[in-house]
Protein backbone atom coordinates (compact mmCIF):
# COMPACT_ATOMS: atom_id res chain seq x y z
CA MET A 1 -2.93 63.14 109.28
CA GLN A 2 -5.04 60.68 111.29
CA PHE A 3 -4.46 56.94 111.03
CA LYS A 4 -7.08 54.28 111.54
CA SER A 5 -6.45 51.54 114.10
CA THR A 6 -6.20 47.98 112.84
CA ARG A 7 -9.53 47.29 114.44
CA GLN A 8 -11.15 50.14 112.52
CA VAL A 9 -9.70 48.89 109.22
CA VAL A 10 -10.87 45.34 109.89
CA GLU A 11 -14.41 46.58 110.82
CA GLU A 12 -14.61 48.73 107.72
CA SER A 13 -13.32 45.94 105.52
CA ASN A 14 -15.94 43.59 107.00
CA ARG A 15 -18.71 46.19 106.43
CA VAL A 16 -17.68 46.65 102.82
CA GLY A 17 -17.48 42.92 102.32
CA VAL A 18 -21.04 42.43 103.56
CA GLN A 19 -22.29 45.21 101.33
CA PHE A 20 -20.49 43.64 98.38
CA LEU A 21 -22.13 40.29 98.98
CA LEU A 22 -25.57 41.86 99.29
CA ALA A 23 -25.03 43.78 96.08
CA ASP A 24 -23.73 40.72 94.25
CA LEU A 25 -26.82 38.73 95.28
CA THR A 26 -29.07 41.53 94.13
CA ALA A 27 -27.27 41.68 90.84
CA ALA A 28 -27.55 37.89 90.41
CA LEU A 29 -31.33 38.04 90.96
CA THR A 30 -31.52 40.84 88.42
CA PHE A 31 -29.51 38.72 85.93
CA LEU A 32 -32.12 36.00 86.35
CA ASP A 33 -34.94 38.51 85.79
CA VAL A 34 -33.26 39.64 82.54
CA ALA A 35 -32.73 36.07 81.46
CA ASP A 36 -36.44 35.41 82.03
CA ALA A 37 -37.50 38.46 80.07
CA THR A 38 -35.21 38.38 77.02
CA GLY A 39 -35.94 36.87 73.67
CA SER A 40 -32.29 36.43 72.90
CA TRP A 41 -30.75 33.02 73.60
CA ASP A 42 -27.27 34.54 73.96
CA THR A 43 -28.45 37.19 76.41
CA ARG A 44 -30.34 34.55 78.38
CA ASN A 45 -27.34 32.20 78.63
CA ARG A 46 -24.96 35.05 79.54
CA ASN A 47 -27.20 36.26 82.31
CA LEU A 48 -27.74 32.74 83.64
CA GLN A 49 -24.02 32.21 83.75
CA ASN A 50 -23.54 35.59 85.51
CA ALA A 51 -26.11 34.59 88.13
CA ARG A 52 -24.47 31.25 88.68
CA SER A 53 -21.03 32.92 89.02
CA ALA A 54 -22.34 35.43 91.52
CA TYR A 55 -23.90 32.57 93.59
CA GLU A 56 -20.57 30.77 93.67
CA THR A 57 -18.67 33.95 94.56
CA VAL A 58 -20.99 34.65 97.47
CA LEU A 59 -20.60 31.15 98.79
CA ARG A 60 -16.85 31.39 98.57
CA LEU A 61 -16.62 34.79 100.25
CA LEU A 62 -19.37 34.50 102.88
CA PRO A 63 -17.20 32.63 105.45
CA ARG A 64 -14.74 35.59 105.35
CA VAL A 65 -17.25 38.20 106.62
CA PHE A 66 -19.04 38.60 109.87
CA PRO A 67 -22.40 40.17 109.23
CA SER A 68 -24.76 41.36 111.89
CA VAL A 69 -27.90 39.33 112.60
CA GLU A 70 -29.93 41.51 110.29
CA GLU A 71 -27.30 41.36 107.55
CA ARG A 72 -27.01 37.64 107.93
CA SER A 73 -30.77 37.26 107.56
CA ALA A 74 -30.79 39.41 104.44
CA LEU A 75 -27.88 37.51 102.93
CA GLN A 76 -29.42 34.14 103.64
CA ALA A 77 -32.82 35.17 102.24
CA LYS A 78 -31.30 36.33 98.95
CA LEU A 79 -28.97 33.36 98.78
CA ASP A 80 -31.89 30.96 99.33
CA GLN A 81 -33.98 32.75 96.67
CA LEU A 82 -31.10 32.64 94.20
CA LYS A 83 -30.38 28.96 94.87
CA LYS A 84 -34.05 28.07 94.45
CA ARG A 85 -34.25 29.90 91.11
CA LEU A 86 -31.01 28.30 89.88
CA LEU A 87 -32.22 24.85 90.86
CA ALA A 88 -35.55 25.46 89.06
CA LEU A 89 -33.43 26.19 85.91
CA GLY A 90 -31.68 22.85 86.25
CA TYR A 91 -28.39 24.07 87.62
CA CYS A 92 -26.52 21.73 89.92
CA ILE A 93 -25.66 23.85 92.92
CA ASP A 94 -23.99 21.13 94.91
CA PRO A 95 -22.31 18.14 93.24
CA ASP A 96 -23.75 15.96 95.97
CA ASP A 97 -27.27 17.30 95.28
CA ALA A 98 -29.37 14.15 95.18
CA ASP A 99 -32.39 16.03 93.89
CA HIS A 100 -30.59 17.02 90.64
CA PRO A 101 -27.93 14.37 89.92
CA ASP A 102 -28.36 14.61 86.09
CA THR A 103 -27.44 18.25 85.98
CA CYS A 104 -24.06 17.96 87.76
């Protein structure tokens, strides 16, 4: 039986964490696509809330991982795209967001 070193476990945990965040952002963008395409008010609202929840989860977990330069770029691009789309829908992303004070 071979044991992993603490360093190997930390590196693997970090890699899995980065992959999770990328997958969560991809899912959030898909939720928004579904919300845009559906004719059902309930489906639209559920998918919008799922996208918002994913955005908040990524923001909360992002400081806990250490992505490579390429991964950081991919994460930031998807995060920016998600934020832009949520703002366009009237979601308040930041309570101090002066551009959207009425939606907070």
